[in-house]
């Protein structure tokens, strides 16, 4: 297995991606080659800092002279900066030089590069970002978390199909429940997008349980939550913000009295468990599902651990043959839809 890693992607590149690459090679022996794309002199400087002047023979460096910055326009930057680390890592997947591409860089550029260079899978009209979110009882996948802001009903059907495959293969749930995020549980509630999507999902070969509201995400969770990318990205960032804020509030309140501090010390194992569950580092990155190649997008501020786990997620997606599973599931959904359209009312 070969993994392409954008060494210039993220707020702390190339320091963190390079360190993550070294850790990943030590932890995942199934990686035959890990290819770092980026400015070679800066990559070698980072390798030297961590005592890796002569790194693992499985590590390879491919020089790219240009870098897409976080403030750049996605499509325009891909056009102007053709020799950039994001584009080259994606092209490595297209050219069968790598089985997956991983980046903590510009999300928009990563989505655009993957869509343009890799194209979508057969039966899939638009790709979507699959993000894992924790609840007390399970993990659910949020689709789409920001790849496609202006979705159509058929795109939401694609997300439901791809999210179901992801939930089965990566998270290990059998027959995952799919919920459509809306403003009410009744099928007549919502906007035109959710109402039309409800009809498509109801007739699809998935375990669709109907509409869910925002409060259901964590109180009455399903395994797959479907929404457009605008709503999904708001949900994702709001959830991350609330998790961080609650821990800050707790820390502030606990320090007010010695009794509270003692109680917190006694409950420290519980606090650690919850913090680990809500820590984005544990989940690594988000798979861009629907493109013809495994692509993982990590948070721009990702730590070394988070990027290492993003590499792990890429490895798992390759091992589970996720894309071929999606193609088969999309074929079934398409055939089912055609059969429904062929039914003539009596």
C-alpha atoms as a PDB file:
ATOM      1  CA  UNK A   1       0.000   0.000   0.000  1.00  0.00           C
ATOM      2  CA  UNK A   2       1.258   3.465  -0.912  1.00  0.00           C
ATOM      3  CA  UNK A   3       0.071   6.696   0.746  1.00  0.00           C
ATOM      4  CA  UNK A   4       0.602  10.223  -0.623  1.00  0.00           C
ATOM      5  CA  UNK A   5       0.870  12.870   2.117  1.00  0.00           C
ATOM      6  CA  UNK A   6       0.710  16.608   1.509  1.00  0.00           C
ATOM      7  CA  UNK A   7       3.676  17.756   3.602  1.00  0.00           C
ATOM      8  CA  UNK A   8       2.829  21.445   3.107  1.00  0.00           C
ATOM      9  CA  UNK A   9      -0.795  21.185   4.243  1.00  0.00           C
ATOM     10  CA  UNK A  10      -1.961  22.669   7.533  1.00  0.00           C
ATOM     11  CA  UNK A  11      -1.202  25.546   9.879  1.00  0.00           C
ATOM     12  CA  UNK A  12       1.949  23.839  11.165  1.00  0.00           C
ATOM     13  CA  UNK A  13       3.425  22.401   7.979  1.00  0.00           C
ATOM     14  CA  UNK A  14       5.765  20.839   7.195  1.00  0.00           C
ATOM     15  CA  UNK A  15       6.656  20.181  10.838  1.00  0.00           C
ATOM     16  CA  UNK A  16       3.581  18.190  11.855  1.00  0.00           C
ATOM     17  CA  UNK A  17       2.947  16.255   8.611  1.00  0.00           C
ATOM     18  CA  UNK A  18       6.598  15.138   8.511  1.00  0.00           C
ATOM     19  CA  UNK A  19       6.542  13.990  12.151  1.00  0.00           C
ATOM     20  CA  UNK A  20       3.213  12.226  11.551  1.00  0.00           C
ATOM     21  CA  UNK A  21       4.679  10.413   8.547  1.00  0.00           C
ATOM     22  CA  UNK A  22       7.521   8.997  10.648  1.00  0.00           C
ATOM     23  CA  UNK A  23       5.083   7.828  13.349  1.00  0.00           C
ATOM     24  CA  UNK A  24       2.737   6.292  10.761  1.00  0.00           C
ATOM     25  CA  UNK A  25       5.542   4.252   9.190  1.00  0.00           C
ATOM     26  CA  UNK A  26       6.388   2.855  12.634  1.00  0.00           C
ATOM     27  CA  UNK A  27       2.771   1.989  13.458  1.00  0.00           C
ATOM     28  CA  UNK A  28       1.417   0.740  10.135  1.00  0.00           C
ATOM     29  CA  UNK A  29       3.660  -1.914   8.567  1.00  0.00           C
ATOM     30  CA  UNK A  30       1.158  -2.377   5.742  1.00  0.00           C
ATOM     31  CA  UNK A  31       2.343   0.942   4.292  1.00  0.00           C
ATOM     32  CA  UNK A  32       4.833  -0.064   1.627  1.00  0.00           C
ATOM     33  CA  UNK A  33       5.662   3.521   0.690  1.00  0.00           C
ATOM     34  CA  UNK A  34       4.721   6.896   2.175  1.00  0.00           C
ATOM     35  CA  UNK A  35       5.341   9.711  -0.312  1.00  0.00           C
ATOM     36  CA  UNK A  36       5.774  13.253   1.022  1.00  0.00           C
ATOM     37  CA  UNK A  37       4.810  15.956  -1.481  1.00  0.00           C
ATOM     38  CA  UNK A  38       6.187  19.429  -0.832  1.00  0.00           C
ATOM     39  CA  UNK A  39       9.223  21.671  -0.813  1.00  0.00           C
ATOM     40  CA  UNK A  40      12.092  19.213  -0.424  1.00  0.00           C
ATOM     41  CA  UNK A  41      14.508  21.487   1.429  1.00  0.00           C
ATOM     42  CA  UNK A  42      11.913  22.278   4.119  1.00  0.00           C
ATOM     43  CA  UNK A  43      10.925  18.621   4.444  1.00  0.00           C
ATOM     44  CA  UNK A  44      14.541  17.544   4.906  1.00  0.00           C
ATOM     45  CA  UNK A  45      15.058  20.283   7.498  1.00  0.00           C
ATOM     46  CA  UNK A  46      12.175  18.856   9.536  1.00  0.00           C
ATOM     47  CA  UNK A  47      13.508  15.315   9.178  1.00  0.00           C
ATOM     48  CA  UNK A  48      16.869  16.507  10.451  1.00  0.00           C
ATOM     49  CA  UNK A  49      15.268  18.208  13.478  1.00  0.00           C
ATOM     50  CA  UNK A  50      13.719  14.929  14.595  1.00  0.00           C
ATOM     51  CA  UNK A  51      16.852  12.886  13.988  1.00  0.00           C
ATOM     52  CA  UNK A  52      15.741  11.376  10.697  1.00  0.00           C
ATOM     53  CA  UNK A  53      18.539  12.510   8.357  1.00  0.00           C
ATOM     54  CA  UNK A  54      18.410   8.980   6.970  1.00  0.00           C
ATOM     55  CA  UNK A  55      14.698   8.142   7.251  1.00  0.00           C
ATOM     56  CA  UNK A  56      12.971   4.823   6.735  1.00  0.00           C
ATOM     57  CA  UNK A  57      13.525   3.482   3.200  1.00  0.00           C
ATOM     58  CA  UNK A  58       9.745   3.412   2.860  1.00  0.00           C
ATOM     59  CA  UNK A  59       9.677   7.238   2.984  1.00  0.00           C
ATOM     60  CA  UNK A  60       9.954   9.073  -0.315  1.00  0.00           C
ATOM     61  CA  UNK A  61      10.047  12.816  -1.059  1.00  0.00           C
ATOM     62  CA  UNK A  62       8.562  14.366  -4.195  1.00  0.00           C
ATOM     63  CA  UNK A  63       9.500  18.019  -4.635  1.00  0.00           C
ATOM     64  CA  UNK A  64       6.729  20.553  -5.328  1.00  0.00           C
ATOM     65  CA  UNK A  65       7.787  24.183  -5.556  1.00  0.00           C
ATOM     66  CA  UNK A  66       4.395  25.766  -4.798  1.00  0.00           C
ATOM     67  CA  UNK A  67       2.058  25.785  -1.796  1.00  0.00           C
ATOM     68  CA  UNK A  68      -1.669  26.535  -1.658  1.00  0.00           C
ATOM     69  CA  UNK A  69      -2.241  28.819   1.304  1.00  0.00           C
ATOM     70  CA  UNK A  70      -5.379  28.699   3.460  1.00  0.00           C
ATOM     71  CA  UNK A  71      -6.544  32.088   2.158  1.00  0.00           C
ATOM     72  CA  UNK A  72      -6.203  31.177  -1.521  1.00  0.00           C
ATOM     73  CA  UNK A  73      -9.184  30.683  -3.806  1.00  0.00           C
ATOM     74  CA  UNK A  74      -9.484  26.895  -4.363  1.00  0.00           C
ATOM     75  CA  UNK A  75     -10.017  26.730  -8.136  1.00  0.00           C
ATOM     76  CA  UNK A  76      -7.935  29.798  -8.954  1.00  0.00           C
ATOM     77  CA  UNK A  77      -4.991  28.571  -6.882  1.00  0.00           C
ATOM     78  CA  UNK A  78      -5.087  25.177  -8.604  1.00  0.00           C
ATOM     79  CA  UNK A  79      -4.978  26.977 -11.928  1.00  0.00           C
ATOM     80  CA  UNK A  80      -2.160  29.381 -11.016  1.00  0.00           C
ATOM     81  CA  UNK A  81      -0.064  27.076  -8.843  1.00  0.00           C
ATOM     82  CA  UNK A  82       0.097  23.902 -10.872  1.00  0.00           C
ATOM     83  CA  UNK A  83       3.122  22.455  -9.080  1.00  0.00           C
ATOM     84  CA  UNK A  84       1.534  22.411  -5.608  1.00  0.00           C
ATOM     85  CA  UNK A  85       1.576  19.641  -3.007  1.00  0.00           C
ATOM     86  CA  UNK A  86      -2.217  19.127  -2.901  1.00  0.00           C
ATOM     87  CA  UNK A  87      -2.577  18.671  -6.644  1.00  0.00           C
ATOM     88  CA  UNK A  88       0.484  16.449  -6.937  1.00  0.00           C
ATOM     89  CA  UNK A  89      -0.662  14.144  -4.134  1.00  0.00           C
ATOM     90  CA  UNK A  90      -4.057  13.769  -5.810  1.00  0.00           C
ATOM     91  CA  UNK A  91      -2.441  13.120  -9.181  1.00  0.00           C
ATOM     92  CA  UNK A  92      -0.341  10.383  -7.576  1.00  0.00           C
ATOM     93  CA  UNK A  93      -3.604   8.562  -6.780  1.00  0.00           C
ATOM     94  CA  UNK A  94      -4.920   9.171 -10.299  1.00  0.00           C
ATOM     95  CA  UNK A  95      -1.704   7.801 -11.829  1.00  0.00           C
ATOM     96  CA  UNK A  96      -1.676   4.708  -9.550  1.00  0.00           C
ATOM     97  CA  UNK A  97       1.485   5.877  -7.792  1.00  0.00           C
ATOM     98  CA  UNK A  98      -0.444   5.939  -4.507  1.00  0.00           C
ATOM     99  CA  UNK A  99      -3.555   4.232  -3.128  1.00  0.00           C
ATOM    100  CA  UNK A 100      -4.690   7.236  -1.091  1.00  0.00           C
ATOM    101  CA  UNK A 101      -3.963  10.935  -0.570  1.00  0.00           C
ATOM    102  CA  UNK A 102      -3.976  12.716   2.806  1.00  0.00           C
ATOM    103  CA  UNK A 103      -3.837  16.466   3.471  1.00  0.00           C
ATOM    104  CA  UNK A 104      -4.421  18.900   6.333  1.00  0.00           C
ATOM    105  CA  UNK A 105      -4.336  21.751   3.849  1.00  0.00           C
ATOM    106  CA  UNK A 106      -6.960  23.850   2.104  1.00  0.00           C
ATOM    107  CA  UNK A 107     -10.226  21.854   2.181  1.00  0.00           C
ATOM    108  CA  UNK A 108     -11.722  23.605  -0.846  1.00  0.00           C
ATOM    109  CA  UNK A 109      -8.600  23.006  -2.909  1.00  0.00           C
ATOM    110  CA  UNK A 110      -8.491  19.352  -1.854  1.00  0.00           C
ATOM    111  CA  UNK A 111     -12.142  18.831  -2.836  1.00  0.00           C
ATOM    112  CA  UNK A 112     -11.689  20.665  -6.141  1.00  0.00           C
ATOM    113  CA  UNK A 113      -8.460  18.829  -7.015  1.00  0.00           C
ATOM    114  CA  UNK A 114      -9.958  15.425  -6.199  1.00  0.00           C
ATOM    115  CA  UNK A 115     -13.157  16.133  -8.129  1.00  0.00           C
ATOM    116  CA  UNK A 116     -11.329  17.458 -11.200  1.00  0.00           C
ATOM    117  CA  UNK A 117      -8.462  14.988 -11.330  1.00  0.00           C
ATOM    118  CA  UNK A 118     -10.096  11.816  -9.989  1.00  0.00           C
ATOM    119  CA  UNK A 119     -13.701  12.389 -11.136  1.00  0.00           C
ATOM    120  CA  UNK A 120     -16.654  10.874  -9.341  1.00  0.00           C
ATOM    121  CA  UNK A 121     -17.386   7.182  -8.933  1.00  0.00           C
ATOM    122  CA  UNK A 122     -19.923   5.543 -11.264  1.00  0.00           C
ATOM    123  CA  UNK A 123     -23.435   6.233  -9.995  1.00  0.00           C
ATOM    124  CA  UNK A 124     -22.348   9.147  -7.767  1.00  0.00           C
ATOM    125  CA  UNK A 125     -23.182  12.683  -8.874  1.00  0.00           C
ATOM    126  CA  UNK A 126     -21.347  14.694  -6.192  1.00  0.00           C
ATOM    127  CA  UNK A 127     -18.703  13.834  -3.575  1.00  0.00           C
ATOM    128  CA  UNK A 128     -19.293  14.491   0.111  1.00  0.00           C
ATOM    129  CA  UNK A 129     -17.144  14.834   3.209  1.00  0.00           C
ATOM    130  CA  UNK A 130     -17.787  12.085   5.766  1.00  0.00           C
ATOM    131  CA  UNK A 131     -16.991  13.227   9.302  1.00  0.00           C
ATOM    132  CA  UNK A 132     -17.165  10.984  12.373  1.00  0.00           C
ATOM    133  CA  UNK A 133     -18.937  12.470  15.397  1.00  0.00           C
ATOM    134  CA  UNK A 134     -19.251  10.862  18.853  1.00  0.00           C
ATOM    135  CA  UNK A 135     -22.301  10.394  21.086  1.00  0.00           C
ATOM    136  CA  UNK A 136     -22.673   8.646  24.442  1.00  0.00           C
ATOM    137  CA  UNK A 137     -23.700   5.364  22.816  1.00  0.00           C
ATOM    138  CA  UNK A 138     -22.228   5.338  19.312  1.00  0.00           C
ATOM    139  CA  UNK A 139     -20.323   7.123  16.565  1.00  0.00           C
ATOM    140  CA  UNK A 140     -22.216   8.568  13.639  1.00  0.00           C
ATOM    141  CA  UNK A 141     -21.035   9.760  10.249  1.00  0.00           C
ATOM    142  CA  UNK A 142     -22.139  13.219   9.136  1.00  0.00           C
ATOM    143  CA  UNK A 143     -22.597  13.547   5.354  1.00  0.00           C
ATOM    144  CA  UNK A 144     -21.906  16.111   3.907  1.00  0.00           C
ATOM    145  CA  UNK A 145     -19.653  18.159   6.201  1.00  0.00           C
ATOM    146  CA  UNK A 146     -18.780  20.838   3.664  1.00  0.00           C
ATOM    147  CA  UNK A 147     -17.859  19.583   0.183  1.00  0.00           C
ATOM    148  CA  UNK A 148     -21.079  20.605  -1.593  1.00  0.00           C
ATOM    149  CA  UNK A 149     -22.893  23.655  -0.199  1.00  0.00           C
ATOM    150  CA  UNK A 150     -25.739  23.729  -2.748  1.00  0.00           C
ATOM    151  CA  UNK A 151     -27.029  20.167  -2.835  1.00  0.00           C
ATOM    152  CA  UNK A 152     -29.941  18.665  -4.728  1.00  0.00           C
ATOM    153  CA  UNK A 153     -32.141  15.793  -3.462  1.00  0.00           C
ATOM    154  CA  UNK A 154     -30.257  13.208  -5.524  1.00  0.00           C
ATOM    155  CA  UNK A 155     -27.002  14.330  -3.893  1.00  0.00           C
ATOM    156  CA  UNK A 156     -28.474  13.626  -0.467  1.00  0.00           C
ATOM    157  CA  UNK A 157     -29.398  10.151  -1.692  1.00  0.00           C
ATOM    158  CA  UNK A 158     -25.757   9.648  -2.716  1.00  0.00           C
ATOM    159  CA  UNK A 159     -24.651  10.791   0.749  1.00  0.00           C
ATOM    160  CA  UNK A 160     -26.999   8.324   2.404  1.00  0.00           C
ATOM    161  CA  UNK A 161     -25.691   5.441   0.289  1.00  0.00           C
ATOM    162  CA  UNK A 162     -22.025   6.372   0.798  1.00  0.00           C
ATOM    163  CA  UNK A 163     -22.509   7.099   4.487  1.00  0.00           C
ATOM    164  CA  UNK A 164     -24.092   3.680   4.975  1.00  0.00           C
ATOM    165  CA  UNK A 165     -21.110   1.971   3.340  1.00  0.00           C
ATOM    166  CA  UNK A 166     -18.704   4.020   5.467  1.00  0.00           C
ATOM    167  CA  UNK A 167     -20.604   3.168   8.643  1.00  0.00           C
ATOM    168  CA  UNK A 168     -20.568  -0.533   7.841  1.00  0.00           C
ATOM    169  CA  UNK A 169     -16.971  -0.814   6.652  1.00  0.00           C
ATOM    170  CA  UNK A 170     -15.097   1.688   8.823  1.00  0.00           C
ATOM    171  CA  UNK A 171     -17.246   1.971  11.956  1.00  0.00           C
ATOM    172  CA  UNK A 172     -18.456  -1.638  11.950  1.00  0.00           C
ATOM    173  CA  UNK A 173     -22.232  -1.103  12.229  1.00  0.00           C
ATOM    174  CA  UNK A 174     -24.490  -3.667  10.600  1.00  0.00           C
ATOM    175  CA  UNK A 175     -27.464  -2.148   8.824  1.00  0.00           C
ATOM    176  CA  UNK A 176     -26.726   1.428   9.973  1.00  0.00           C
ATOM    177  CA  UNK A 177     -29.719   3.693  10.526  1.00  0.00           C
ATOM    178  CA  UNK A 178     -29.905   6.758   8.286  1.00  0.00           C
ATOM    179  CA  UNK A 179     -31.555  10.001   9.394  1.00  0.00           C
ATOM    180  CA  UNK A 180     -32.264  13.107   7.311  1.00  0.00           C
ATOM    181  CA  UNK A 181     -31.462  16.293   9.239  1.00  0.00           C
ATOM    182  CA  UNK A 182     -34.460  18.628   9.191  1.00  0.00           C
ATOM    183  CA  UNK A 183     -36.534  20.903  11.451  1.00  0.00           C
ATOM    184  CA  UNK A 184     -39.098  18.273  12.403  1.00  0.00           C
ATOM    185  CA  UNK A 185     -39.575  14.533  12.436  1.00  0.00           C
ATOM    186  CA  UNK A 186     -42.635  14.636  10.161  1.00  0.00           C
ATOM    187  CA  UNK A 187     -42.013  14.202   6.436  1.00  0.00           C
ATOM    188  CA  UNK A 188     -44.023  17.356   5.635  1.00  0.00           C
ATOM    189  CA  UNK A 189     -41.594  19.541   7.603  1.00  0.00           C
ATOM    190  CA  UNK A 190     -38.458  21.107   6.193  1.00  0.00           C
ATOM    191  CA  UNK A 191     -37.555  22.961   3.022  1.00  0.00           C
ATOM    192  CA  UNK A 192     -37.994  21.782  -0.560  1.00  0.00           C
ATOM    193  CA  UNK A 193     -34.613  20.029  -0.467  1.00  0.00           C
ATOM    194  CA  UNK A 194     -35.371  17.900   2.587  1.00  0.00           C
ATOM    195  CA  UNK A 195     -38.955  17.140   1.487  1.00  0.00           C
ATOM    196  CA  UNK A 196     -37.846  15.890  -1.924  1.00  0.00           C
ATOM    197  CA  UNK A 197     -34.872  14.055  -0.436  1.00  0.00           C
ATOM    198  CA  UNK A 198     -37.198  12.343   2.065  1.00  0.00           C
ATOM    199  CA  UNK A 199     -39.098  10.728  -0.838  1.00  0.00           C
ATOM    200  CA  UNK A 200     -35.900   9.465  -2.458  1.00  0.00           C
ATOM    201  CA  UNK A 201     -34.470   8.113   0.793  1.00  0.00           C
ATOM    202  CA  UNK A 202     -37.742   6.416   1.716  1.00  0.00           C
ATOM    203  CA  UNK A 203     -37.576   4.294  -1.442  1.00  0.00           C
ATOM    204  CA  UNK A 204     -33.830   3.595  -1.386  1.00  0.00           C
ATOM    205  CA  UNK A 205     -32.253   0.256  -0.333  1.00  0.00           C
ATOM    206  CA  UNK A 206     -30.917   1.711   2.930  1.00  0.00           C
ATOM    207  CA  UNK A 207     -32.146   1.634   6.536  1.00  0.00           C
ATOM    208  CA  UNK A 208     -33.807   5.055   6.429  1.00  0.00           C
ATOM    209  CA  UNK A 209     -35.537   5.983   9.699  1.00  0.00           C
ATOM    210  CA  UNK A 210     -36.931   9.361   8.624  1.00  0.00           C
ATOM    211  CA  UNK A 211     -36.227  12.949   9.596  1.00  0.00           C
ATOM    212  CA  UNK A 212     -34.208  13.811  12.673  1.00  0.00           C
ATOM    213  CA  UNK A 213     -33.883  17.162  14.406  1.00  0.00           C
ATOM    214  CA  UNK A 214     -30.764  18.828  15.765  1.00  0.00           C
ATOM    215  CA  UNK A 215     -31.508  17.610  19.288  1.00  0.00           C
ATOM    216  CA  UNK A 216     -31.633  14.007  18.042  1.00  0.00           C
ATOM    217  CA  UNK A 217     -27.996  14.092  16.933  1.00  0.00           C
ATOM    218  CA  UNK A 218     -26.787  13.308  20.457  1.00  0.00           C
ATOM    219  CA  UNK A 219     -29.957  12.430  22.412  1.00  0.00           C
ATOM    220  CA  UNK A 220     -31.425   9.892  19.972  1.00  0.00           C
ATOM    221  CA  UNK A 221     -28.563   9.198  17.566  1.00  0.00           C
ATOM    222  CA  UNK A 222     -28.563   7.255  14.321  1.00  0.00           C
ATOM    223  CA  UNK A 223     -25.440   5.958  12.572  1.00  0.00           C
ATOM    224  CA  UNK A 224     -25.648   8.147   9.437  1.00  0.00           C
ATOM    225  CA  UNK A 225     -26.833  11.766   9.370  1.00  0.00           C
ATOM    226  CA  UNK A 226     -27.548  13.224   5.928  1.00  0.00           C
ATOM    227  CA  UNK A 227     -27.639  16.935   5.095  1.00  0.00           C
ATOM    228  CA  UNK A 228     -26.245  19.435   2.605  1.00  0.00           C
ATOM    229  CA  UNK A 229     -22.686  20.673   3.062  1.00  0.00           C
ATOM    230  CA  UNK A 230     -23.694  24.103   4.357  1.00  0.00           C
ATOM    231  CA  UNK A 231     -25.759  22.672   7.207  1.00  0.00           C
ATOM    232  CA  UNK A 232     -23.239  19.897   7.846  1.00  0.00           C
ATOM    233  CA  UNK A 233     -20.309  22.267   8.194  1.00  0.00           C
ATOM    234  CA  UNK A 234     -22.270  24.443  10.648  1.00  0.00           C
ATOM    235  CA  UNK A 235     -23.174  21.350  12.688  1.00  0.00           C
ATOM    236  CA  UNK A 236     -19.559  20.156  12.704  1.00  0.00           C
ATOM    237  CA  UNK A 237     -18.008  23.444  13.789  1.00  0.00           C
ATOM    238  CA  UNK A 238     -20.749  24.137  16.327  1.00  0.00           C
ATOM    239  CA  UNK A 239     -20.244  20.686  17.851  1.00  0.00           C
ATOM    240  CA  UNK A 240     -16.468  21.172  18.066  1.00  0.00           C
ATOM    241  CA  UNK A 241     -16.927  24.595  19.668  1.00  0.00           C
ATOM    242  CA  UNK A 242     -19.450  23.370  22.243  1.00  0.00           C
ATOM    243  CA  UNK A 243     -17.225  20.442  23.259  1.00  0.00           C
ATOM    244  CA  UNK A 244     -14.265  22.766  23.835  1.00  0.00           C
ATOM    245  CA  UNK A 245     -16.397  25.344  25.655  1.00  0.00           C
ATOM    246  CA  UNK A 246     -17.904  22.797  28.071  1.00  0.00           C
ATOM    247  CA  UNK A 247     -14.464  21.629  29.197  1.00  0.00           C
ATOM    248  CA  UNK A 248     -13.391  25.242  29.738  1.00  0.00           C
ATOM    249  CA  UNK A 249     -16.563  25.923  31.745  1.00  0.00           C
ATOM    250  CA  UNK A 250     -15.977  22.818  33.857  1.00  0.00           C
ATOM    251  CA  UNK A 251     -12.363  23.776  34.531  1.00  0.00           C
ATOM    252  CA  UNK A 252     -13.433  27.257  35.606  1.00  0.00           C
ATOM    253  CA  UNK A 253     -16.186  25.987  37.934  1.00  0.00           C
ATOM    254  CA  UNK A 254     -14.085  23.191  39.421  1.00  0.00           C
ATOM    255  CA  UNK A 255     -11.355  25.606  40.497  1.00  0.00           C
ATOM    256  CA  UNK A 256     -13.785  27.707  42.544  1.00  0.00           C
ATOM    257  CA  UNK A 257     -13.659  25.544  45.707  1.00  0.00           C
ATOM    258  CA  UNK A 258     -11.355  22.878  47.192  1.00  0.00           C
ATOM    259  CA  UNK A 259     -14.291  20.459  47.494  1.00  0.00           C
ATOM    260  CA  UNK A 260     -14.993  20.689  43.768  1.00  0.00           C
ATOM    261  CA  UNK A 261     -11.314  20.193  43.010  1.00  0.00           C
ATOM    262  CA  UNK A 262     -11.274  17.051  45.166  1.00  0.00           C
ATOM    263  CA  UNK A 263     -14.387  15.746  43.429  1.00  0.00           C
ATOM    264  CA  UNK A 264     -12.806  16.404  40.022  1.00  0.00           C
ATOM    265  CA  UNK A 265      -9.690  14.512  41.084  1.00  0.00           C
ATOM    266  CA  UNK A 266     -11.801  11.519  42.106  1.00  0.00           C
ATOM    267  CA  UNK A 267     -13.689  11.671  38.787  1.00  0.00           C
ATOM    268  CA  UNK A 268     -10.576  12.274  36.682  1.00  0.00           C
ATOM    269  CA  UNK A 269     -10.852   8.955  34.844  1.00  0.00           C
ATOM    270  CA  UNK A 270     -14.374   9.822  33.690  1.00  0.00           C
ATOM    271  CA  UNK A 271     -13.252  13.271  32.542  1.00  0.00           C
ATOM    272  CA  UNK A 272     -10.360  11.757  30.599  1.00  0.00           C
ATOM    273  CA  UNK A 273     -12.667   9.242  28.899  1.00  0.00           C
ATOM    274  CA  UNK A 274     -15.095  11.950  27.772  1.00  0.00           C
ATOM    275  CA  UNK A 275     -12.296  14.226  26.610  1.00  0.00           C
ATOM    276  CA  UNK A 276     -10.796  11.393  24.563  1.00  0.00           C
ATOM    277  CA  UNK A 277     -14.164  10.623  22.987  1.00  0.00           C
ATOM    278  CA  UNK A 278     -14.716  14.260  21.968  1.00  0.00           C
ATOM    279  CA  UNK A 279     -11.128  14.902  20.849  1.00  0.00           C
ATOM    280  CA  UNK A 280     -10.904  15.301  17.069  1.00  0.00           C
ATOM    281  CA  UNK A 281      -7.308  13.984  17.161  1.00  0.00           C
ATOM    282  CA  UNK A 282      -8.635  10.483  17.815  1.00  0.00           C
ATOM    283  CA  UNK A 283     -10.575  10.431  14.539  1.00  0.00           C
ATOM    284  CA  UNK A 284      -7.863  11.918  12.319  1.00  0.00           C
ATOM    285  CA  UNK A 285      -9.490  13.304   9.214  1.00  0.00           C
ATOM    286  CA  UNK A 286     -12.588  13.069   7.058  1.00  0.00           C
ATOM    287  CA  UNK A 287     -12.903  10.893   3.984  1.00  0.00           C
ATOM    288  CA  UNK A 288     -14.010  12.634   0.806  1.00  0.00           C
ATOM    289  CA  UNK A 289     -16.404   9.965  -0.426  1.00  0.00           C
ATOM    290  CA  UNK A 290     -17.571   9.694  -4.010  1.00  0.00           C
ATOM    291  CA  UNK A 291     -14.342  10.407  -5.894  1.00  0.00           C
ATOM    292  CA  UNK A 292     -12.428   7.747  -7.787  1.00  0.00           C
ATOM    293  CA  UNK A 293      -9.632   7.440  -5.245  1.00  0.00           C
ATOM    294  CA  UNK A 294      -9.244   7.432  -1.464  1.00  0.00           C
ATOM    295  CA  UNK A 295      -8.856  11.005  -0.205  1.00  0.00           C
ATOM    296  CA  UNK A 296      -8.638  12.083   3.444  1.00  0.00           C
ATOM    297  CA  UNK A 297      -8.930  15.710   4.560  1.00  0.00           C
ATOM    298  CA  UNK A 298      -7.644  16.641   8.021  1.00  0.00           C
ATOM    299  CA  UNK A 299      -8.266  19.787  10.063  1.00  0.00           C
ATOM    300  CA  UNK A 300      -5.925  22.688   9.269  1.00  0.00           C
ATOM    301  CA  UNK A 301      -4.758  22.900  12.883  1.00  0.00           C
ATOM    302  CA  UNK A 302      -4.225  19.144  13.147  1.00  0.00           C
ATOM    303  CA  UNK A 303      -1.651  17.868  15.617  1.00  0.00           C
ATOM    304  CA  UNK A 304       0.872  15.189  14.760  1.00  0.00           C
ATOM    305  CA  UNK A 305      -1.463  12.617  16.312  1.00  0.00           C
ATOM    306  CA  UNK A 306      -4.413  13.821  14.233  1.00  0.00           C
ATOM    307  CA  UNK A 307      -2.482  13.627  10.956  1.00  0.00           C
ATOM    308  CA  UNK A 308      -1.141  10.201  11.917  1.00  0.00           C
ATOM    309  CA  UNK A 309      -4.715   9.045  12.512  1.00  0.00           C
ATOM    310  CA  UNK A 310      -5.777  10.579   9.186  1.00  0.00           C
ATOM    311  CA  UNK A 311      -3.148   8.340   7.575  1.00  0.00           C
ATOM    312  CA  UNK A 312      -4.590   5.420   9.555  1.00  0.00           C
ATOM    313  CA  UNK A 313      -8.056   6.246   8.198  1.00  0.00           C
ATOM    314  CA  UNK A 314      -6.682   6.204   4.648  1.00  0.00           C
ATOM    315  CA  UNK A 315      -5.115   2.799   5.299  1.00  0.00           C
ATOM    316  CA  UNK A 316      -8.431   1.454   6.628  1.00  0.00           C
ATOM    317  CA  UNK A 317     -10.370   2.797   3.644  1.00  0.00           C
ATOM    318  CA  UNK A 318      -7.969   1.075   1.242  1.00  0.00           C
ATOM    319  CA  UNK A 319      -8.041  -2.192   3.196  1.00  0.00           C
ATOM    320  CA  UNK A 320     -11.855  -2.204   3.296  1.00  0.00           C
ATOM    321  CA  UNK A 321     -12.103  -1.459  -0.437  1.00  0.00           C
ATOM    322  CA  UNK A 322     -14.561   1.338   0.362  1.00  0.00           C
ATOM    323  CA  UNK A 323     -14.844   2.736  -3.157  1.00  0.00           C
ATOM    324  CA  UNK A 324     -15.799  -0.550  -4.786  1.00  0.00           C
ATOM    325  CA  UNK A 325     -18.355  -1.073  -2.033  1.00  0.00           C
ATOM    326  CA  UNK A 326     -19.806   2.369  -2.802  1.00  0.00           C
ATOM    327  CA  UNK A 327     -19.991   1.561  -6.515  1.00  0.00           C
ATOM    328  CA  UNK A 328     -21.961  -1.626  -5.813  1.00  0.00           C
ATOM    329  CA  UNK A 329     -24.263   0.172  -3.365  1.00  0.00           C
ATOM    330  CA  UNK A 330     -24.838   3.001  -5.855  1.00  0.00           C
ATOM    331  CA  UNK A 331     -25.729   0.463  -8.541  1.00  0.00           C
ATOM    332  CA  UNK A 332     -28.311  -1.091  -6.229  1.00  0.00           C
ATOM    333  CA  UNK A 333     -29.752   2.326  -5.378  1.00  0.00           C
ATOM    334  CA  UNK A 334     -29.905   3.257  -9.059  1.00  0.00           C
ATOM    335  CA  UNK A 335     -31.575  -0.012 -10.026  1.00  0.00           C
ATOM    336  CA  UNK A 336     -34.080   0.377  -7.196  1.00  0.00           C
ATOM    337  CA  UNK A 337     -34.896   3.913  -8.304  1.00  0.00           C
ATOM    338  CA  UNK A 338     -35.433   2.786 -11.911  1.00  0.00           C
ATOM    339  CA  UNK A 339     -37.697  -0.018 -10.730  1.00  0.00           C
ATOM    340  CA  UNK A 340     -39.762   2.471  -8.740  1.00  0.00           C
ATOM    341  CA  UNK A 341     -40.069   4.727 -11.779  1.00  0.00           C
ATOM    342  CA  UNK A 342     -41.200   1.797 -13.922  1.00  0.00           C
ATOM    343  CA  UNK A 343     -44.141   0.997 -11.635  1.00  0.00           C
ATOM    344  CA  UNK A 344     -47.374   2.027 -13.366  1.00  0.00           C
ATOM    345  CA  UNK A 345     -50.234   2.918 -11.026  1.00  0.00           C
ATOM    346  CA  UNK A 346     -53.289   0.670 -11.398  1.00  0.00           C
END
